[in-house]
Amino acid sequence: MNIQPNTVSNISDDQELAKALAGVNGFGDADTQPVAEVTPVEEPKSNQENINPMPSPLPLNPVPQINPVPQRDELEQIKMEAVNELRPLVDKLILPPEEKFDVYLLLIRCTDDRTLVAPAHETARMIEDETRRATA
């Protein structure tokens, strides 16, 4: 198998190489013409008179709130009332043991009621998945 081209031409002289490159790039010694000088254009200076000042912001009139947000103490009171009303209904929930345990855990954390520990423990014992039961 022959990988060399059929015709080989050696360009050994730098001048011949320069002529070949000049022909490839489209530049030749005879084609060069002087370039006309370009004068820079000055940008117009801005006048302060032409700039429009930013309009001043309009004063805000406080609008009375239709539904004011209750204070933190009021929210805590509402939350505790809701928990106390719903706590007796937890035993009547029809949920999988995992979810029912989560409800008990939420109530225990919210109220610190120790009487909920025993039913939470009973519910945890009913969880079938050993990993989940161990976590409970």
N, C-alpha and C. Protein backbone atom coordinates (compact mmCIF):
# COMPACT_ATOMS: atom_id res chain seq x y z
N MET A 1 0.84 -1.18 0.00
CA MET A 1 0.00 0.00 0.00
C MET A 1 0.88 1.23 0.00
N ASN A 2 0.65 2.11 -0.93
CA ASN A 2 1.45 3.31 -1.10
C ASN A 2 0.64 4.49 -0.57
N ILE A 3 1.17 5.16 0.48
CA ILE A 3 0.44 6.28 1.07
C ILE A 3 1.00 7.63 0.65
N GLN A 4 2.03 7.65 -0.20
CA GLN A 4 2.59 8.91 -0.64
C GLN A 4 1.87 9.38 -1.90
N PRO A 5 1.69 10.70 -2.05
CA PRO A 5 1.01 11.21 -3.24
C PRO A 5 1.85 10.97 -4.49
N ASN A 6 1.17 10.95 -5.65
CA ASN A 6 1.84 10.69 -6.92
C ASN A 6 2.75 11.82 -7.33
N THR A 7 2.36 13.06 -7.09
CA THR A 7 3.19 14.19 -7.47
C THR A 7 3.67 14.88 -6.22
N VAL A 8 4.95 15.11 -6.18
CA VAL A 8 5.55 15.78 -5.04
C VAL A 8 6.29 16.99 -5.57
N SER A 9 6.02 18.16 -4.99
CA SER A 9 6.75 19.35 -5.38
C SER A 9 7.34 19.96 -4.13
N ASN A 10 8.61 20.17 -4.13
CA ASN A 10 9.29 20.74 -2.98
C ASN A 10 9.45 22.24 -3.18
N ILE A 11 9.04 23.00 -2.21
CA ILE A 11 9.26 24.43 -2.23
C ILE A 11 10.31 24.69 -1.18
N SER A 12 11.52 24.93 -1.63
CA SER A 12 12.61 25.09 -0.68
C SER A 12 13.00 26.54 -0.49
N ASP A 13 12.67 27.36 -1.39
CA ASP A 13 13.08 28.75 -1.32
C ASP A 13 12.00 29.55 -0.60
N ASP A 14 12.39 30.39 0.32
CA ASP A 14 11.45 31.21 1.07
C ASP A 14 10.69 32.18 0.16
N GLN A 15 11.35 32.67 -0.87
CA GLN A 15 10.68 33.59 -1.77
C GLN A 15 9.57 32.89 -2.55
N GLU A 16 9.83 31.66 -2.96
CA GLU A 16 8.79 30.91 -3.67
C GLU A 16 7.61 30.62 -2.74
N LEU A 17 7.92 30.33 -1.47
CA LEU A 17 6.87 30.09 -0.49
C LEU A 17 6.04 31.35 -0.28
N ALA A 18 6.71 32.50 -0.21
CA ALA A 18 6.01 33.77 -0.03
C ALA A 18 5.11 34.05 -1.23
N LYS A 19 5.58 33.76 -2.44
CA LYS A 19 4.77 33.97 -3.64
C LYS A 19 3.55 33.04 -3.63
N ALA A 20 3.76 31.81 -3.19
CA ALA A 20 2.64 30.86 -3.15
C ALA A 20 1.60 31.29 -2.13
N LEU A 21 2.06 31.74 -0.97
CA LEU A 21 1.13 32.21 0.06
C LEU A 21 0.42 33.49 -0.36
N ALA A 22 1.13 34.36 -1.07
CA ALA A 22 0.51 35.60 -1.53
C ALA A 22 -0.59 35.29 -2.52
N GLY A 23 -0.40 34.29 -3.32
CA GLY A 23 -1.43 33.90 -4.29
C GLY A 23 -2.63 33.27 -3.60
N VAL A 24 -2.40 32.52 -2.54
CA VAL A 24 -3.49 31.86 -1.82
C VAL A 24 -4.33 32.89 -1.08
N ASN A 25 -3.70 33.83 -0.40
CA ASN A 25 -4.41 34.83 0.39
C ASN A 25 -4.99 35.95 -0.47
N GLY A 26 -4.60 36.02 -1.71
CA GLY A 26 -5.11 37.08 -2.56
C GLY A 26 -4.30 38.36 -2.43
N PHE A 27 -3.15 38.27 -1.79
CA PHE A 27 -2.30 39.44 -1.63
C PHE A 27 -1.08 39.26 -2.50
N GLY A 28 -0.75 40.26 -3.19
CA GLY A 28 0.46 40.23 -4.00
C GLY A 28 1.19 41.54 -3.84
N ASP A 29 2.45 41.56 -4.25
CA ASP A 29 3.22 42.79 -4.11
C ASP A 29 2.66 43.87 -5.03
N ALA A 30 2.15 43.49 -6.20
CA ALA A 30 1.65 44.48 -7.15
C ALA A 30 0.26 44.98 -6.77
N ASP A 31 -0.46 44.22 -5.95
CA ASP A 31 -1.83 44.58 -5.62
C ASP A 31 -1.95 45.55 -4.45
N THR A 32 -0.88 45.83 -3.77
CA THR A 32 -0.98 46.66 -2.57
C THR A 32 -1.21 48.10 -2.96
N GLN A 33 -2.17 48.73 -2.28
CA GLN A 33 -2.50 50.13 -2.51
C GLN A 33 -2.48 50.83 -1.17
N PRO A 34 -2.19 52.11 -1.15
CA PRO A 34 -2.17 52.82 0.13
C PRO A 34 -3.59 52.94 0.70
N VAL A 35 -3.67 52.84 2.00
CA VAL A 35 -4.95 52.91 2.69
C VAL A 35 -5.21 54.36 3.08
N ALA A 36 -6.44 54.81 2.84
CA ALA A 36 -6.79 56.19 3.18
C ALA A 36 -6.92 56.31 4.69
N GLU A 37 -6.49 57.44 5.21
CA GLU A 37 -6.57 57.66 6.65
C GLU A 37 -8.01 57.93 7.06
N VAL A 38 -8.37 57.42 8.21
CA VAL A 38 -9.71 57.61 8.74
C VAL A 38 -9.60 58.55 9.92
N THR A 39 -10.42 59.58 9.91
CA THR A 39 -10.40 60.52 11.04
C THR A 39 -11.47 60.09 12.03
N PRO A 40 -11.13 60.07 13.30
CA PRO A 40 -12.12 59.64 14.30
C PRO A 40 -13.23 60.67 14.44
N VAL A 41 -14.42 60.17 14.68
CA VAL A 41 -15.59 61.02 14.86
C VAL A 41 -15.80 61.23 16.35
N GLU A 42 -15.98 62.47 16.73
CA GLU A 42 -16.21 62.77 18.14
C GLU A 42 -17.67 62.54 18.48
N GLU A 43 -17.89 61.93 19.63
CA GLU A 43 -19.26 61.72 20.08
C GLU A 43 -19.80 63.02 20.64
N PRO A 44 -21.07 63.30 20.39
CA PRO A 44 -21.63 64.54 20.93
C PRO A 44 -21.70 64.46 22.45
N LYS A 45 -21.40 65.56 23.06
CA LYS A 45 -21.43 65.62 24.52
C LYS A 45 -22.87 65.83 24.97
N SER A 46 -23.21 65.16 26.04
CA SER A 46 -24.58 65.28 26.52
C SER A 46 -24.72 66.54 27.36
N ASN A 47 -25.80 67.21 27.16
CA ASN A 47 -26.10 68.40 27.95
C ASN A 47 -27.01 68.00 29.10
N GLN A 48 -26.78 68.58 30.23
CA GLN A 48 -27.62 68.28 31.39
C GLN A 48 -29.05 68.77 31.16
N GLU A 49 -29.22 69.73 30.27
CA GLU A 49 -30.54 70.26 30.00
C GLU A 49 -31.41 69.25 29.26
N ASN A 50 -30.79 68.36 28.47
CA ASN A 50 -31.54 67.41 27.66
C ASN A 50 -32.01 66.21 28.47
N ILE A 51 -31.43 65.99 29.62
CA ILE A 51 -31.78 64.81 30.42
C ILE A 51 -33.00 65.13 31.26
N ASN A 52 -34.00 64.25 31.16
CA ASN A 52 -35.21 64.41 31.97
C ASN A 52 -34.95 63.84 33.35
N PRO A 53 -35.23 64.62 34.38
CA PRO A 53 -35.03 64.07 35.73
C PRO A 53 -36.09 63.01 36.00
N MET A 54 -35.74 62.07 36.88
CA MET A 54 -36.68 61.01 37.23
C MET A 54 -37.81 61.62 38.05
N PRO A 55 -39.02 61.19 37.79
CA PRO A 55 -40.15 61.73 38.56
C PRO A 55 -40.05 61.27 40.01
N SER A 56 -40.48 62.12 40.90
CA SER A 56 -40.42 61.77 42.32
C SER A 56 -41.52 60.77 42.62
N PRO A 57 -41.26 59.83 43.52
CA PRO A 57 -42.27 58.82 43.83
C PRO A 57 -43.47 59.44 44.53
N LEU A 58 -44.60 58.86 44.26
CA LEU A 58 -45.83 59.34 44.89
C LEU A 58 -45.86 58.87 46.33
N PRO A 59 -46.39 59.69 47.22
CA PRO A 59 -46.47 59.26 48.62
C PRO A 59 -47.48 58.12 48.76
N LEU A 60 -47.12 57.16 49.58
CA LEU A 60 -48.00 56.02 49.81
C LEU A 60 -48.98 56.33 50.91
N ASN A 61 -50.22 56.08 50.63
CA ASN A 61 -51.25 56.23 51.65
C ASN A 61 -51.54 54.85 52.21
N PRO A 62 -51.39 54.68 53.50
CA PRO A 62 -51.65 53.35 54.04
C PRO A 62 -53.11 52.97 53.86
N VAL A 63 -53.31 51.76 53.34
CA VAL A 63 -54.66 51.25 53.11
C VAL A 63 -55.01 50.36 54.29
N PRO A 64 -56.16 50.57 54.88
CA PRO A 64 -56.53 49.70 56.01
C PRO A 64 -56.70 48.27 55.53
N GLN A 65 -56.20 47.33 56.31
CA GLN A 65 -56.29 45.93 55.95
C GLN A 65 -57.70 45.41 56.21
N ILE A 66 -58.19 44.66 55.25
CA ILE A 66 -59.53 44.10 55.38
C ILE A 66 -59.49 42.92 56.35
N ASN A 67 -58.51 42.04 56.17
CA ASN A 67 -58.34 40.88 57.05
C ASN A 67 -56.99 41.00 57.74
N PRO A 68 -56.91 41.65 58.85
CA PRO A 68 -55.62 41.79 59.51
C PRO A 68 -55.10 40.43 59.98
N VAL A 69 -53.80 40.29 59.92
CA VAL A 69 -53.16 39.05 60.35
C VAL A 69 -53.17 39.00 61.87
N PRO A 70 -53.64 37.88 62.43
CA PRO A 70 -53.65 37.79 63.89
C PRO A 70 -52.24 37.75 64.46
N GLN A 71 -52.10 38.23 65.66
CA GLN A 71 -50.80 38.23 66.32
C GLN A 71 -50.39 36.80 66.66
N ARG A 72 -49.13 36.62 67.00
CA ARG A 72 -48.59 35.29 67.28
C ARG A 72 -49.34 34.63 68.44
N ASP A 73 -49.63 35.38 69.49
CA ASP A 73 -50.33 34.81 70.64
C ASP A 73 -51.73 34.34 70.23
N GLU A 74 -52.37 35.12 69.37
CA GLU A 74 -53.70 34.73 68.90
C GLU A 74 -53.63 33.45 68.08
N LEU A 75 -52.59 33.32 67.24
CA LEU A 75 -52.43 32.11 66.44
C LEU A 75 -52.19 30.89 67.33
N GLU A 76 -51.37 31.05 68.34
CA GLU A 76 -51.11 29.94 69.26
C GLU A 76 -52.39 29.52 69.95
N GLN A 77 -53.20 30.48 70.34
CA GLN A 77 -54.45 30.17 71.02
C GLN A 77 -55.40 29.42 70.08
N ILE A 78 -55.50 29.86 68.85
CA ILE A 78 -56.36 29.20 67.86
C ILE A 78 -55.87 27.77 67.61
N LYS A 79 -54.54 27.62 67.49
CA LYS A 79 -53.97 26.30 67.24
C LYS A 79 -54.27 25.35 68.39
N MET A 80 -54.12 25.81 69.62
CA MET A 80 -54.36 24.96 70.78
C MET A 80 -55.85 24.59 70.88
N GLU A 81 -56.73 25.52 70.56
CA GLU A 81 -58.16 25.21 70.57
C GLU A 81 -58.49 24.13 69.54
N ALA A 82 -57.91 24.24 68.35
CA ALA A 82 -58.16 23.25 67.30
C ALA A 82 -57.62 21.88 67.71
N VAL A 83 -56.43 21.85 68.29
CA VAL A 83 -55.85 20.58 68.73
C VAL A 83 -56.71 19.94 69.81
N ASN A 84 -57.15 20.73 70.76
CA ASN A 84 -57.98 20.20 71.85
C ASN A 84 -59.32 19.68 71.34
N GLU A 85 -59.87 20.32 70.32
CA GLU A 85 -61.14 19.86 69.76
C GLU A 85 -60.96 18.58 68.95
N LEU A 86 -59.83 18.45 68.28
CA LEU A 86 -59.62 17.30 67.40
C LEU A 86 -58.98 16.10 68.11
N ARG A 87 -58.38 16.29 69.27
CA ARG A 87 -57.68 15.21 69.95
C ARG A 87 -58.58 14.00 70.23
N PRO A 88 -59.82 14.17 70.70
CA PRO A 88 -60.66 12.99 70.95
C PRO A 88 -61.01 12.20 69.68
N LEU A 89 -60.89 12.84 68.52
CA LEU A 89 -61.26 12.19 67.27
C LEU A 89 -60.14 11.33 66.68
N VAL A 90 -58.94 11.41 67.24
CA VAL A 90 -57.80 10.68 66.69
C VAL A 90 -58.06 9.18 66.77
N ASP A 91 -58.65 8.71 67.85
CA ASP A 91 -58.92 7.27 67.99
C ASP A 91 -59.92 6.78 66.95
N LYS A 92 -60.73 7.65 66.42
CA LYS A 92 -61.76 7.26 65.45
C LYS A 92 -61.26 7.34 64.00
N LEU A 93 -60.02 7.79 63.82
CA LEU A 93 -59.48 7.90 62.47
C LEU A 93 -59.28 6.52 61.87
N ILE A 94 -59.64 6.38 60.61
CA ILE A 94 -59.39 5.13 59.88
C ILE A 94 -58.20 5.41 58.95
N LEU A 95 -57.03 5.11 59.48
CA LEU A 95 -55.78 5.37 58.75
C LEU A 95 -54.87 4.15 58.90
N PRO A 96 -53.91 4.01 57.99
CA PRO A 96 -52.89 2.98 58.20
C PRO A 96 -52.11 3.30 59.48
N PRO A 97 -51.56 2.29 60.14
CA PRO A 97 -50.86 2.54 61.40
C PRO A 97 -49.73 3.57 61.30
N GLU A 98 -49.02 3.60 60.16
CA GLU A 98 -47.93 4.57 60.00
C GLU A 98 -48.45 6.00 60.08
N GLU A 99 -49.53 6.27 59.38
CA GLU A 99 -50.09 7.63 59.36
C GLU A 99 -50.71 7.99 60.70
N LYS A 100 -51.37 7.02 61.33
CA LYS A 100 -51.99 7.29 62.62
C LYS A 100 -50.92 7.59 63.67
N PHE A 101 -49.79 6.85 63.59
CA PHE A 101 -48.69 7.13 64.51
C PHE A 101 -48.15 8.54 64.28
N ASP A 102 -48.04 8.95 63.02
CA ASP A 102 -47.56 10.30 62.71
C ASP A 102 -48.49 11.36 63.31
N VAL A 103 -49.80 11.10 63.31
CA VAL A 103 -50.76 12.04 63.91
C VAL A 103 -50.53 12.11 65.41
N TYR A 104 -50.37 10.93 66.04
CA TYR A 104 -50.11 10.92 67.48
C TYR A 104 -48.81 11.66 67.80
N LEU A 105 -47.79 11.42 67.01
CA LEU A 105 -46.50 12.07 67.24
C LEU A 105 -46.63 13.59 67.11
N LEU A 106 -47.39 14.03 66.14
CA LEU A 106 -47.62 15.46 65.96
C LEU A 106 -48.34 16.05 67.17
N LEU A 107 -49.34 15.35 67.65
CA LEU A 107 -50.07 15.83 68.83
C LEU A 107 -49.18 15.86 70.07
N ILE A 108 -48.36 14.83 70.24
CA ILE A 108 -47.46 14.79 71.40
C ILE A 108 -46.49 15.96 71.35
N ARG A 109 -45.92 16.22 70.19
CA ARG A 109 -44.97 17.33 70.06
C ARG A 109 -45.64 18.68 70.26
N CYS A 110 -46.87 18.78 69.84
CA CYS A 110 -47.59 20.06 69.92
C CYS A 110 -48.07 20.35 71.34
N THR A 111 -48.53 19.31 72.05
CA THR A 111 -49.16 19.55 73.35
C THR A 111 -48.34 19.07 74.54
N ASP A 112 -47.33 18.26 74.31
CA ASP A 112 -46.56 17.64 75.40
C ASP A 112 -47.47 16.84 76.34
N ASP A 113 -48.52 16.26 75.80
CA ASP A 113 -49.47 15.48 76.59
C ASP A 113 -48.96 14.05 76.72
N ARG A 114 -48.62 13.65 77.95
CA ARG A 114 -48.06 12.32 78.18
C ARG A 114 -49.10 11.22 78.06
N THR A 115 -50.36 11.56 78.13
CA THR A 115 -51.41 10.53 78.01
C THR A 115 -51.51 9.99 76.59
N LEU A 116 -50.91 10.68 75.62
CA LEU A 116 -50.95 10.22 74.23
C LEU A 116 -49.83 9.24 73.91
N VAL A 117 -48.88 9.07 74.83
CA VAL A 117 -47.74 8.20 74.57
C VAL A 117 -48.19 6.74 74.46
N ALA A 118 -49.06 6.29 75.36
CA ALA A 118 -49.51 4.90 75.34
C ALA A 118 -50.26 4.55 74.05
N PRO A 119 -51.25 5.36 73.60
CA PRO A 119 -51.91 5.01 72.33
C PRO A 119 -50.95 5.10 71.14
N ALA A 120 -49.98 6.03 71.18
CA ALA A 120 -49.00 6.12 70.10
C ALA A 120 -48.15 4.86 70.07
N HIS A 121 -47.79 4.34 71.25
CA HIS A 121 -46.99 3.11 71.33
C HIS A 121 -47.78 1.92 70.78
N GLU A 122 -49.05 1.83 71.13
CA GLU A 122 -49.89 0.74 70.61
C GLU A 122 -50.00 0.82 69.08
N THR A 123 -50.14 2.02 68.57
CA THR A 123 -50.23 2.20 67.12
C THR A 123 -48.90 1.84 66.46
N ALA A 124 -47.79 2.20 67.10
CA ALA A 124 -46.47 1.88 66.54
C ALA A 124 -46.26 0.38 66.48
N ARG A 125 -46.78 -0.36 67.45
CA ARG A 125 -46.62 -1.82 67.46
C ARG A 125 -47.39 -2.46 66.31
N MET A 126 -48.39 -1.80 65.78
CA MET A 126 -49.20 -2.35 64.69
C MET A 126 -48.58 -2.09 63.31
N ILE A 127 -47.50 -1.32 63.25
CA ILE A 127 -46.84 -1.04 61.97
C ILE A 127 -46.16 -2.32 61.50
N GLU A 128 -46.42 -2.73 60.26
CA GLU A 128 -45.92 -4.00 59.73
C GLU A 128 -44.46 -3.92 59.31
N ASP A 129 -44.04 -2.84 58.71
CA ASP A 129 -42.66 -2.70 58.25
C ASP A 129 -41.74 -2.53 59.45
N GLU A 130 -40.77 -3.46 59.59
CA GLU A 130 -39.90 -3.45 60.77
C GLU A 130 -39.05 -2.18 60.85
N THR A 131 -38.57 -1.71 59.72
CA THR A 131 -37.75 -0.50 59.71
C THR A 131 -38.57 0.70 60.16
N ARG A 132 -39.76 0.81 59.63
CA ARG A 132 -40.64 1.92 60.01
C ARG A 132 -41.06 1.80 61.47
N ARG A 133 -41.32 0.57 61.92
CA ARG A 133 -41.70 0.35 63.32
C ARG A 133 -40.54 0.72 64.24
N ALA A 134 -39.33 0.37 63.84
CA ALA A 134 -38.16 0.72 64.65
C ALA A 134 -37.98 2.23 64.71
N THR A 135 -38.25 2.91 63.62
CA THR A 135 -38.15 4.37 63.61
C THR A 135 -39.21 4.98 64.53
N ALA A 136 -40.41 4.40 64.52
CA ALA A 136 -41.49 4.90 65.37
C ALA A 136 -41.13 4.68 66.83
